[in-house]
């Protein structure tokens, strides 16, 4: 195998690797975006749970002694 043929094969492999890298970068970006959405949903849910707990405590609180 001569050098020119090796260079052609290496260039071809390089193109294939570049394509794979682009696909992986795209997938990586989508996964980070999805993770961020999950974090935002988790924040909203924790806020709603906190409000529900506060509401429950206030409505079910019984006074102790005379105030």
PDB file of N, CA and C in Angstrom:
ATOM      1  N   UNK A   1       0.854  -1.174   0.000  1.00  0.00           N
ATOM      2  CA  UNK A   1       0.000   0.000   0.000  1.00  0.00           C
ATOM      3  C   UNK A   1       0.898   1.235   0.000  1.00  0.00           C
ATOM      4  N   UNK A   2       0.665   2.082  -0.933  1.00  0.00           N
ATOM      5  CA  UNK A   2       1.509   3.277  -1.021  1.00  0.00           C
ATOM      6  C   UNK A   2       0.952   4.405  -0.131  1.00  0.00           C
ATOM      7  N   UNK A   3       1.731   5.440   0.006  1.00  0.00           N
ATOM      8  CA  UNK A   3       1.381   6.546   0.902  1.00  0.00           C
ATOM      9  C   UNK A   3       0.101   7.257   0.478  1.00  0.00           C
ATOM     10  N   UNK A   4      -0.077   7.421  -0.800  1.00  0.00           N
ATOM     11  CA  UNK A   4      -1.256   8.120  -1.297  1.00  0.00           C
ATOM     12  C   UNK A   4      -2.533   7.371  -0.919  1.00  0.00           C
ATOM     13  N   UNK A   5      -2.481   6.069  -1.060  1.00  0.00           N
ATOM     14  CA  UNK A   5      -3.633   5.244  -0.703  1.00  0.00           C
ATOM     15  C   UNK A   5      -3.897   5.304   0.804  1.00  0.00           C
ATOM     16  N   UNK A   6      -2.851   5.289   1.585  1.00  0.00           N
ATOM     17  CA  UNK A   6      -2.996   5.399   3.046  1.00  0.00           C
ATOM     18  C   UNK A   6      -3.616   6.740   3.421  1.00  0.00           C
ATOM     19  N   UNK A   7      -3.180   7.787   2.762  1.00  0.00           N
ATOM     20  CA  UNK A   7      -3.719   9.124   3.038  1.00  0.00           C
ATOM     21  C   UNK A   7      -5.208   9.169   2.713  1.00  0.00           C
ATOM     22  N   UNK A   8      -5.611   8.562   1.581  1.00  0.00           N
ATOM     23  CA  UNK A   8      -7.026   8.523   1.204  1.00  0.00           C
ATOM     24  C   UNK A   8      -7.840   7.795   2.270  1.00  0.00           C
ATOM     25  N   UNK A   9      -7.335   6.658   2.720  1.00  0.00           N
ATOM     26  CA  UNK A   9      -8.047   5.885   3.739  1.00  0.00           C
ATOM     27  C   UNK A   9      -8.151   6.663   5.047  1.00  0.00           C
ATOM     28  N   UNK A  10      -7.079   7.322   5.414  1.00  0.00           N
ATOM     29  CA  UNK A  10      -7.089   8.108   6.649  1.00  0.00           C
ATOM     30  C   UNK A  10      -8.047   9.287   6.550  1.00  0.00           C
ATOM     31  N   UNK A  11      -8.093   9.934   5.395  1.00  0.00           N
ATOM     32  CA  UNK A  11      -9.027  11.043   5.193  1.00  0.00           C
ATOM     33  C   UNK A  11     -10.468  10.550   5.289  1.00  0.00           C
ATOM     34  N   UNK A  12     -10.710   9.390   4.697  1.00  0.00           N
ATOM     35  CA  UNK A  12     -12.052   8.816   4.749  1.00  0.00           C
ATOM     36  C   UNK A  12     -12.440   8.491   6.199  1.00  0.00           C
ATOM     37  N   UNK A  13     -11.551   7.877   6.940  1.00  0.00           N
ATOM     38  CA  UNK A  13     -11.809   7.557   8.344  1.00  0.00           C
ATOM     39  C   UNK A  13     -12.014   8.826   9.158  1.00  0.00           C
ATOM     40  N   UNK A  14     -11.237   9.839   8.830  1.00  0.00           N
ATOM     41  CA  UNK A  14     -11.370  11.119   9.524  1.00  0.00           C
ATOM     42  C   UNK A  14     -12.765  11.713   9.313  1.00  0.00           C
ATOM     43  N   UNK A  15     -13.275  11.645   8.091  1.00  0.00           N
ATOM     44  CA  UNK A  15     -14.629  12.134   7.793  1.00  0.00           C
ATOM     45  C   UNK A  15     -15.671  11.352   8.585  1.00  0.00           C
ATOM     46  N   UNK A  16     -15.485  10.045   8.663  1.00  0.00           N
ATOM     47  CA  UNK A  16     -16.414   9.205   9.423  1.00  0.00           C
ATOM     48  C   UNK A  16     -16.389   9.589  10.901  1.00  0.00           C
ATOM     49  N   UNK A  17     -15.214   9.796  11.443  1.00  0.00           N
ATOM     50  CA  UNK A  17     -15.085  10.176  12.849  1.00  0.00           C
ATOM     51  C   UNK A  17     -15.694  11.549  13.111  1.00  0.00           C
ATOM     52  N   UNK A  18     -15.514  12.472  12.183  1.00  0.00           N
ATOM     53  CA  UNK A  18     -16.110  13.803  12.332  1.00  0.00           C
ATOM     54  C   UNK A  18     -17.631  13.699  12.379  1.00  0.00           C
ATOM     55  N   UNK A  19     -18.193  12.854  11.524  1.00  0.00           N
ATOM     56  CA  UNK A  19     -19.643  12.667  11.499  1.00  0.00           C
ATOM     57  C   UNK A  19     -20.127  12.088  12.833  1.00  0.00           C
ATOM     58  N   UNK A  20     -19.414  11.108  13.330  1.00  0.00           N
ATOM     59  CA  UNK A  20     -19.776  10.498  14.613  1.00  0.00           C
ATOM     60  C   UNK A  20     -19.694  11.533  15.736  1.00  0.00           C
ATOM     61  N   UNK A  21     -18.652  12.346  15.730  1.00  0.00           N
ATOM     62  CA  UNK A  21     -18.485  13.382  16.751  1.00  0.00           C
ATOM     63  C   UNK A  21     -19.632  14.376  16.696  1.00  0.00           C
ATOM     64  N   UNK A  22     -20.027  14.784  15.498  1.00  0.00           N
ATOM     65  CA  UNK A  22     -21.145  15.721  15.352  1.00  0.00           C
ATOM     66  C   UNK A  22     -22.433  15.124  15.908  1.00  0.00           C
ATOM     67  N   UNK A  23     -22.675  13.846  15.624  1.00  0.00           N
ATOM     68  CA  UNK A  23     -23.871  13.174  16.126  1.00  0.00           C
ATOM     69  C   UNK A  23     -23.838  13.107  17.652  1.00  0.00           C
ATOM     70  N   UNK A  24     -22.684  12.778  18.205  1.00  0.00           N
ATOM     71  CA  UNK A  24     -22.559  12.693  19.653  1.00  0.00           C
ATOM     72  C   UNK A  24     -22.705  14.062  20.312  1.00  0.00           C
ATOM     73  N   UNK A  25     -22.174  15.101  19.680  1.00  0.00           N
ATOM     74  CA  UNK A  25     -22.325  16.447  20.226  1.00  0.00           C
ATOM     75  C   UNK A  25     -23.791  16.858  20.234  1.00  0.00           C
ATOM     76  N   UNK A  26     -24.497  16.527  19.172  1.00  0.00           N
ATOM     77  CA  UNK A  26     -25.922  16.844  19.090  1.00  0.00           C
ATOM     78  C   UNK A  26     -26.697  16.101  20.183  1.00  0.00           C
ATOM     79  N   UNK A  27     -26.408  14.832  20.343  1.00  0.00           N
ATOM     80  CA  UNK A  27     -27.071  14.036  21.372  1.00  0.00           C
ATOM     81  C   UNK A  27     -26.740  14.583  22.763  1.00  0.00           C
ATOM     82  N   UNK A  28     -25.501  14.960  22.963  1.00  0.00           N
ATOM     83  CA  UNK A  28     -25.073  15.516  24.238  1.00  0.00           C
ATOM     84  C   UNK A  28     -25.852  16.794  24.558  1.00  0.00           C
ATOM     85  N   UNK A  29     -25.990  17.658  23.575  1.00  0.00           N
ATOM     86  CA  UNK A  29     -26.727  18.910  23.763  1.00  0.00           C
ATOM     87  C   UNK A  29     -28.189  18.623  24.115  1.00  0.00           C
ATOM     88  N   UNK A  30     -28.798  17.690  23.398  1.00  0.00           N
ATOM     89  CA  UNK A  30     -30.187  17.339  23.684  1.00  0.00           C
ATOM     90  C   UNK A  30     -30.341  16.789  25.093  1.00  0.00           C
ATOM     91  N   UNK A  31     -29.396  15.963  25.539  1.00  0.00           N
ATOM     92  CA  UNK A  31     -29.480  15.395  26.880  1.00  0.00           C
ATOM     93  C   UNK A  31     -29.319  16.464  27.957  1.00  0.00           C
ATOM     94  N   UNK A  32     -28.410  17.422  27.740  1.00  0.00           N
ATOM     95  CA  UNK A  32     -28.249  18.512  28.706  1.00  0.00           C
ATOM     96  C   UNK A  32     -29.508  19.371  28.763  1.00  0.00           C
ATOM     97  N   UNK A  33     -30.126  19.614  27.614  1.00  0.00           N
ATOM     98  CA  UNK A  33     -31.380  20.381  27.582  1.00  0.00           C
ATOM     99  C   UNK A  33     -32.479  19.640  28.342  1.00  0.00           C
ATOM    100  N   UNK A  34     -32.548  18.341  28.131  1.00  0.00           N
ATOM    101  CA  UNK A  34     -33.539  17.514  28.821  1.00  0.00           C
ATOM    102  C   UNK A  34     -33.294  17.539  30.331  1.00  0.00           C
ATOM    103  N   UNK A  35     -32.050  17.438  30.732  1.00  0.00           N
ATOM    104  CA  UNK A  35     -31.703  17.490  32.145  1.00  0.00           C
ATOM    105  C   UNK A  35     -32.119  18.823  32.761  1.00  0.00           C
ATOM    106  N   UNK A  36     -31.902  19.899  32.041  1.00  0.00           N
ATOM    107  CA  UNK A  36     -32.295  21.221  32.528  1.00  0.00           C
ATOM    108  C   UNK A  36     -33.813  21.315  32.693  1.00  0.00           C
ATOM    109  N   UNK A  37     -34.566  20.731  31.759  1.00  0.00           N
ATOM    110  CA  UNK A  37     -36.023  20.712  31.874  1.00  0.00           C
ATOM    111  C   UNK A  37     -36.448  19.942  33.119  1.00  0.00           C
ATOM    112  N   UNK A  38     -35.804  18.819  33.366  1.00  0.00           N
ATOM    113  CA  UNK A  38     -36.124  18.012  34.541  1.00  0.00           C
ATOM    114  C   UNK A  38     -35.824  18.801  35.812  1.00  0.00           C
ATOM    115  N   UNK A  39     -34.714  19.509  35.846  1.00  0.00           N
ATOM    116  CA  UNK A  39     -34.367  20.318  37.025  1.00  0.00           C
ATOM    117  C   UNK A  39     -35.414  21.403  37.268  1.00  0.00           C
ATOM    118  N   UNK A  40     -35.869  22.050  36.202  1.00  0.00           N
ATOM    119  CA  UNK A  40     -36.893  23.083  36.346  1.00  0.00           C
ATOM    120  C   UNK A  40     -38.198  22.481  36.866  1.00  0.00           C
ATOM    121  N   UNK A  41     -38.573  21.324  36.344  1.00  0.00           N
ATOM    122  CA  UNK A  41     -39.785  20.661  36.803  1.00  0.00           C
ATOM    123  C   UNK A  41     -39.654  20.265  38.273  1.00  0.00           C
ATOM    124  N   UNK A  42     -38.469  19.818  38.658  1.00  0.00           N
ATOM    125  CA  UNK A  42     -38.225  19.432  40.042  1.00  0.00           C
ATOM    126  C   UNK A  42     -38.363  20.647  40.964  1.00  0.00           C
ATOM    127  N   UNK A  43     -37.835  21.805  40.553  1.00  0.00           N
ATOM    128  CA  UNK A  43     -37.963  23.030  41.355  1.00  0.00           C
ATOM    129  C   UNK A  43     -39.432  23.390  41.539  1.00  0.00           C
ATOM    130  N   UNK A  44     -40.213  23.331  40.443  1.00  0.00           N
ATOM    131  CA  UNK A  44     -41.634  23.658  40.522  1.00  0.00           C
ATOM    132  C   UNK A  44     -42.362  22.694  41.451  1.00  0.00           C
ATOM    133  N   UNK A  45     -42.055  21.415  41.322  1.00  0.00           N
ATOM    134  CA  UNK A  45     -42.705  20.405  42.145  1.00  0.00           C
ATOM    135  C   UNK A  45     -42.370  20.604  43.621  1.00  0.00           C
ATOM    136  N   UNK A  46     -41.113  20.876  43.930  1.00  0.00           N
ATOM    137  CA  UNK A  46     -40.714  21.096  45.321  1.00  0.00           C
ATOM    138  C   UNK A  46     -41.407  22.339  45.882  1.00  0.00           C
ATOM    139  N   UNK A  47     -41.564  23.368  45.072  1.00  0.00           N
ATOM    140  CA  UNK A  47     -42.268  24.567  45.506  1.00  0.00           C
ATOM    141  C   UNK A  47     -43.731  24.249  45.798  1.00  0.00           C
ATOM    142  N   UNK A  48     -44.365  23.502  44.924  1.00  0.00           N
ATOM    143  CA  UNK A  48     -45.761  23.119  45.123  1.00  0.00           C
ATOM    144  C   UNK A  48     -45.920  22.246  46.354  1.00  0.00           C
ATOM    145  N   UNK A  49     -44.996  21.328  46.580  1.00  0.00           N
ATOM    146  CA  UNK A  49     -45.048  20.468  47.761  1.00  0.00           C
ATOM    147  C   UNK A  49     -44.898  21.316  49.026  1.00  0.00           C
ATOM    148  N   UNK A  50     -43.972  22.269  48.992  1.00  0.00           N
ATOM    149  CA  UNK A  50     -43.777  23.153  50.136  1.00  0.00           C
ATOM    150  C   UNK A  50     -45.033  23.949  50.456  1.00  0.00           C
ATOM    151  N   UNK A  51     -45.687  24.468  49.414  1.00  0.00           N
ATOM    152  CA  UNK A  51     -46.930  25.218  49.623  1.00  0.00           C
ATOM    153  C   UNK A  51     -48.032  24.321  50.173  1.00  0.00           C
ATOM    154  N   UNK A  52     -48.108  23.095  49.667  1.00  0.00           N
ATOM    155  CA  UNK A  52     -49.131  22.157  50.148  1.00  0.00           C
ATOM    156  C   UNK A  52     -48.881  21.799  51.609  1.00  0.00           C
ATOM    157  N   UNK A  53     -47.634  21.598  51.984  1.00  0.00           N
ATOM    158  CA  UNK A  53     -47.306  21.279  53.381  1.00  0.00           C
ATOM    159  C   UNK A  53     -47.633  22.465  54.282  1.00  0.00           C
ATOM    160  N   UNK A  54     -47.247  23.662  53.858  1.00  0.00           N
ATOM    161  CA  UNK A  54     -47.563  24.853  54.646  1.00  0.00           C
ATOM    162  C   UNK A  54     -49.074  25.000  54.833  1.00  0.00           C
ATOM    163  N   UNK A  55     -49.826  24.817  53.757  1.00  0.00           N
ATOM    164  CA  UNK A  55     -51.276  24.924  53.815  1.00  0.00           C
ATOM    165  C   UNK A  55     -51.853  23.879  54.764  1.00  0.00           C
ATOM    166  N   UNK A  56     -51.366  22.667  54.672  1.00  0.00           N
ATOM    167  CA  UNK A  56     -51.834  21.584  55.546  1.00  0.00           C
ATOM    168  C   UNK A  56     -51.559  21.920  57.007  1.00  0.00           C
ATOM    169  N   UNK A  57     -50.347  22.368  57.293  1.00  0.00           N
ATOM    170  CA  UNK A  57     -49.980  22.682  58.667  1.00  0.00           C
ATOM    171  C   UNK A  57     -50.836  23.807  59.232  1.00  0.00           C
ATOM    172  N   UNK A  58     -51.063  24.847  58.450  1.00  0.00           N
ATOM    173  CA  UNK A  58     -51.851  25.981  58.909  1.00  0.00           C
ATOM    174  C   UNK A  58     -53.295  25.569  59.177  1.00  0.00           C
ATOM    175  N   UNK A  59     -53.878  24.787  58.293  1.00  0.00           N
ATOM    176  CA  UNK A  59     -55.280  24.397  58.452  1.00  0.00           C
ATOM    177  C   UNK A  59     -55.493  23.327  59.515  1.00  0.00           C
ATOM    178  N   UNK A  60     -54.480  22.584  59.849  1.00  0.00           N
ATOM    179  CA  UNK A  60     -54.634  21.501  60.828  1.00  0.00           C
ATOM    180  C   UNK A  60     -53.965  21.817  62.161  1.00  0.00           C
ATOM    181  N   UNK A  61     -53.513  23.021  62.331  1.00  0.00           N
ATOM    182  CA  UNK A  61     -52.841  23.417  63.563  1.00  0.00           C
ATOM    183  C   UNK A  61     -53.911  23.670  64.624  1.00  0.00           C
ATOM    184  N   UNK A  62     -53.695  23.109  65.809  1.00  0.00           N
ATOM    185  CA  UNK A  62     -54.606  23.323  66.907  1.00  0.00           C
ATOM    186  C   UNK A  62     -53.896  24.164  67.958  1.00  0.00           C
ATOM    187  N   UNK A  63     -54.552  25.177  68.442  1.00  0.00           N
ATOM    188  CA  UNK A  63     -53.912  26.018  69.437  1.00  0.00           C
ATOM    189  C   UNK A  63     -53.653  25.235  70.732  1.00  0.00           C
ATOM    190  N   UNK A  64     -52.555  25.579  71.369  1.00  0.00           N
ATOM    191  CA  UNK A  64     -52.189  24.947  72.629  1.00  0.00           C
ATOM    192  C   UNK A  64     -52.284  26.014  73.716  1.00  0.00           C
ATOM    193  N   UNK A  65     -53.118  25.787  74.660  1.00  0.00           N
ATOM    194  CA  UNK A  65     -53.247  26.738  75.771  1.00  0.00           C
ATOM    195  C   UNK A  65     -54.002  27.986  75.359  1.00  0.00           C
ATOM    196  N   UNK A  66     -54.040  28.931  76.273  1.00  0.00           N
ATOM    197  CA  UNK A  66     -54.706  30.207  76.024  1.00  0.00           C
ATOM    198  C   UNK A  66     -53.714  31.208  75.484  1.00  0.00           C
ATOM    199  N   UNK A  67     -54.098  31.891  74.450  1.00  0.00           N
ATOM    200  CA  UNK A  67     -53.201  32.902  73.877  1.00  0.00           C
ATOM    201  C   UNK A  67     -53.747  34.277  74.130  1.00  0.00           C
TER     202      UNK A  67
END
